[in-house]
Amino acid sequence: MQHSAVPELAHTQTRPIHWLATATAVAGVMAVSSLLQPGSATAAQPAGHDTEAVHAATPPGTAGVDFPITCGPVKAVVQKKATGDLDGDGRPETVAVVHCDAPMGTPPDGVYVLTRAAHGDKARVVATLVDPQDGDTVGDLAVRDGAVLATLRGYSSDDVPRCCPDRTDKAKWAWKDGAFVRSTPAGTRSV
């Protein structure tokens, strides 16, 4: 008879008592860890911080904003948004692309600039850059160097099916003398 160099150990053969002991140990660890959870985090600012400065640096959100778009029985949805300081006042604005949540077809987009009052939390629309009545949809949207950049897709005539825009334009809006002025970004071509 030949003997192994390593003596047989009790734990090399699993028995139901081993599984029961393991399950009890795991349950004990979970119970103890649930008692030792860290305190809940809070979003409250420590005393001495200016909460108005915090609001000033936060771009306005789109939730609850009454966009100037008529959608009938369906609701308006925000498809895209971009943020940045557009008027140089140190507070960011939000640019939102909004369309009606139509079940079929390609609904036209509206592009709106949102701001927040200096002493309030509610966002409001302060400018319409693209009116949904123009029939365009928005591809790319960005805010760079204080300007709004967008790719607009539209139709050259009423004969073009509304599913398939055949015109693409690049547009740029910049804040000048109290209004957004539209131009074509340098180096872009229409297709």
Protein backbone atom coordinates (compact mmCIF):
# COMPACT_ATOMS: atom_id res chain seq x y z
CA MET A 1 0.00 0.00 0.00
CA GLN A 2 1.28 3.43 -0.97
CA HIS A 3 0.82 6.50 1.22
CA SER A 4 0.47 10.10 0.07
CA ALA A 5 3.16 12.57 1.03
CA VAL A 6 0.43 14.97 2.23
CA PRO A 7 -1.79 13.58 4.96
CA GLU A 8 -5.49 13.68 4.38
CA LEU A 9 -7.00 16.84 5.84
CA ALA A 10 -10.52 17.09 7.18
CA HIS A 11 -11.44 20.04 4.96
CA THR A 12 -10.57 18.35 1.68
CA GLN A 13 -13.83 16.42 1.78
CA THR A 14 -16.87 18.69 1.74
CA ARG A 15 -19.80 17.65 3.84
CA PRO A 16 -23.16 19.37 4.43
CA ILE A 17 -21.89 20.74 7.74
CA HIS A 18 -19.15 22.65 5.83
CA TRP A 19 -21.72 24.31 3.55
CA LEU A 20 -23.86 25.21 6.54
CA ALA A 21 -20.85 26.75 8.31
CA THR A 22 -19.91 28.74 5.17
CA ALA A 23 -23.48 30.03 4.72
CA THR A 24 -23.63 31.05 8.38
CA ALA A 25 -20.29 32.90 8.11
CA VAL A 26 -21.39 34.78 4.95
CA ALA A 27 -24.70 35.74 6.57
CA GLY A 28 -22.83 36.99 9.64
CA VAL A 29 -20.48 39.13 7.54
CA MET A 30 -23.42 40.63 5.64
CA ALA A 31 -25.30 41.40 8.86
CA VAL A 32 -22.29 43.10 10.43
CA SER A 33 -21.52 45.08 7.26
CA SER A 34 -25.09 46.39 7.11
CA LEU A 35 -24.67 47.76 10.63
CA LEU A 36 -21.38 49.46 9.77
CA GLN A 37 -22.60 51.50 6.77
CA PRO A 38 -21.24 55.05 6.41
CA GLY A 39 -23.59 57.96 7.08
CA SER A 40 -25.72 59.19 4.22
CA ALA A 41 -24.26 61.88 1.99
CA THR A 42 -25.90 65.27 1.85
CA ALA A 43 -25.84 67.97 -0.77
CA ALA A 44 -25.98 70.75 1.80
CA GLN A 45 -23.25 73.32 1.60
CA PRO A 46 -21.15 73.90 4.70
CA ALA A 47 -21.87 77.15 6.52
CA GLY A 48 -20.12 80.17 5.09
CA HIS A 49 -20.47 79.28 1.38
CA ASP A 50 -22.40 81.56 -0.92
CA THR A 51 -25.26 79.50 -2.39
CA GLU A 52 -25.95 82.20 -5.00
CA ALA A 53 -22.47 81.61 -6.44
CA VAL A 54 -23.23 77.88 -6.66
CA HIS A 55 -26.48 78.59 -8.56
CA ALA A 56 -24.65 81.01 -10.83
CA ALA A 57 -22.22 78.31 -11.96
CA THR A 58 -24.93 75.69 -12.55
CA PRO A 59 -26.49 75.75 -16.02
CA PRO A 60 -30.29 75.85 -16.09
CA GLY A 61 -32.04 72.51 -16.46
CA THR A 62 -34.75 71.75 -19.00
CA ALA A 63 -37.23 69.99 -16.69
CA GLY A 64 -40.46 71.93 -16.24
CA VAL A 65 -39.63 74.58 -18.85
CA ASP A 66 -42.55 75.77 -20.97
CA PHE A 67 -41.03 75.70 -24.49
CA PRO A 68 -42.79 77.78 -27.17
CA ILE A 69 -43.69 74.77 -29.31
CA THR A 70 -47.20 73.53 -30.11
CA CYS A 71 -47.47 69.73 -30.02
CA GLY A 72 -51.19 69.06 -29.83
CA PRO A 73 -51.93 65.76 -28.05
CA VAL A 74 -48.27 64.71 -27.76
CA LYS A 75 -45.67 66.22 -25.48
CA ALA A 76 -42.53 68.21 -26.26
CA VAL A 77 -39.27 66.36 -25.63
CA VAL A 78 -35.73 67.68 -25.26
CA GLN A 79 -33.61 65.75 -27.74
CA LYS A 80 -30.23 67.42 -27.19
CA LYS A 81 -28.71 70.11 -25.06
CA ALA A 82 -25.43 71.94 -24.64
CA THR A 83 -24.28 74.47 -22.05
CA GLY A 84 -21.90 77.39 -21.87
CA ASP A 85 -21.66 81.10 -21.13
CA LEU A 86 -23.14 82.70 -24.25
CA ASP A 87 -23.40 86.34 -23.16
CA GLY A 88 -20.19 86.73 -21.16
CA ASP A 89 -21.87 87.34 -17.79
CA GLY A 90 -20.11 84.44 -16.05
CA ARG A 91 -23.30 82.35 -15.76
CA PRO A 92 -23.84 79.42 -18.15
CA GLU A 93 -26.87 79.16 -20.38
CA THR A 94 -28.42 75.96 -21.76
CA VAL A 95 -29.24 75.47 -25.43
CA ALA A 96 -31.99 72.86 -25.95
CA VAL A 97 -33.15 71.08 -29.10
CA VAL A 98 -36.85 70.30 -28.65
CA HIS A 99 -39.43 68.58 -30.84
CA CYS A 100 -42.86 67.05 -30.51
CA ASP A 101 -42.83 63.38 -29.55
CA ALA A 102 -44.59 62.32 -32.77
CA PRO A 103 -45.23 58.58 -33.22
CA MET A 104 -44.29 58.72 -36.92
CA GLY A 105 -42.21 60.84 -39.26
CA THR A 106 -39.45 63.30 -38.50
CA PRO A 107 -40.84 66.16 -36.43
CA PRO A 108 -39.09 69.52 -36.89
CA ASP A 109 -36.90 70.83 -34.09
CA GLY A 110 -36.87 74.08 -32.21
CA VAL A 111 -33.62 75.39 -30.70
CA TYR A 112 -34.04 77.46 -27.55
CA VAL A 113 -31.68 79.30 -25.21
CA LEU A 114 -32.47 78.97 -21.50
CA THR A 115 -31.21 81.11 -18.67
CA ARG A 116 -31.89 81.43 -14.98
CA ALA A 117 -32.76 84.65 -13.23
CA ALA A 118 -29.96 86.01 -11.05
CA HIS A 119 -32.04 85.42 -7.90
CA GLY A 120 -34.09 82.37 -8.90
CA ASP A 121 -33.91 78.70 -9.66
CA LYS A 122 -36.46 78.47 -12.46
CA ALA A 123 -35.11 78.28 -16.01
CA ARG A 124 -36.83 80.24 -18.75
CA VAL A 125 -36.57 80.53 -22.53
CA VAL A 126 -34.90 83.80 -23.56
CA ALA A 127 -34.33 83.18 -27.28
CA THR A 128 -35.50 80.98 -30.16
CA LEU A 129 -32.63 80.20 -32.53
CA VAL A 130 -34.55 77.77 -34.77
CA ASP A 131 -38.34 77.89 -34.99
CA PRO A 132 -40.02 74.49 -35.53
CA GLN A 133 -42.19 76.15 -38.22
CA ASP A 134 -39.03 76.37 -40.37
CA GLY A 135 -39.21 72.56 -40.74
CA ASP A 136 -35.55 71.88 -39.94
CA THR A 137 -34.09 69.15 -37.77
CA VAL A 138 -30.85 69.52 -35.83
CA GLY A 139 -27.93 67.14 -36.22
CA ASP A 140 -24.90 68.23 -34.23
CA LEU A 141 -25.17 70.81 -31.45
CA ALA A 142 -22.35 72.38 -29.44
CA VAL A 143 -21.43 75.49 -27.48
CA ARG A 144 -17.85 76.62 -28.15
CA ASP A 145 -16.11 79.89 -27.37
CA GLY A 146 -19.39 81.55 -26.38
CA ALA A 147 -21.20 80.59 -29.61
CA VAL A 148 -23.84 78.01 -30.50
CA LEU A 149 -22.91 75.72 -33.40
CA ALA A 150 -25.46 73.45 -35.09
CA THR A 151 -25.95 71.35 -38.18
CA LEU A 152 -29.40 71.98 -39.64
CA ARG A 153 -31.07 69.51 -41.98
CA GLY A 154 -33.96 70.69 -44.10
CA TYR A 155 -35.83 70.34 -47.36
CA SER A 156 -35.25 72.14 -50.64
CA SER A 157 -38.93 71.92 -51.63
CA ASP A 158 -42.30 70.55 -50.53
CA ASP A 159 -41.79 67.64 -52.98
CA VAL A 160 -39.02 66.14 -50.84
CA PRO A 161 -40.37 63.42 -48.47
CA ARG A 162 -40.33 64.59 -44.83
CA CYS A 163 -38.30 61.53 -43.84
CA CYS A 164 -35.28 62.44 -45.91
CA PRO A 165 -33.82 65.96 -45.64
CA ASP A 166 -31.86 66.92 -48.76
CA ARG A 167 -30.29 70.15 -47.48
CA THR A 168 -27.62 70.51 -44.78
CA ASP A 169 -26.48 73.85 -43.38
CA LYS A 170 -24.00 74.73 -40.66
CA ALA A 171 -25.11 77.59 -38.44
CA LYS A 172 -23.46 79.67 -35.75
CA TRP A 173 -25.15 82.05 -33.32
CA ALA A 174 -23.20 84.54 -31.24
CA TRP A 175 -24.44 87.15 -28.74
CA LYS A 176 -23.85 90.65 -30.16
CA ASP A 177 -25.41 93.92 -29.05
CA GLY A 178 -28.14 92.26 -26.98
CA ALA A 179 -29.26 89.63 -29.51
CA PHE A 180 -28.17 86.33 -31.04
CA VAL A 181 -26.80 86.90 -34.53
CA ARG A 182 -26.72 83.96 -36.97
CA SER A 183 -23.82 83.39 -39.33
CA THR A 184 -22.20 80.53 -41.20
CA PRO A 185 -19.08 79.15 -39.49
CA ALA A 186 -15.86 79.73 -41.41
CA GLY A 187 -14.78 76.84 -43.62
CA THR A 188 -18.22 75.20 -43.98
CA ARG A 189 -20.01 74.29 -47.17
CA SER A 190 -23.68 73.46 -47.81
CA VAL A 191 -24.60 70.18 -49.44
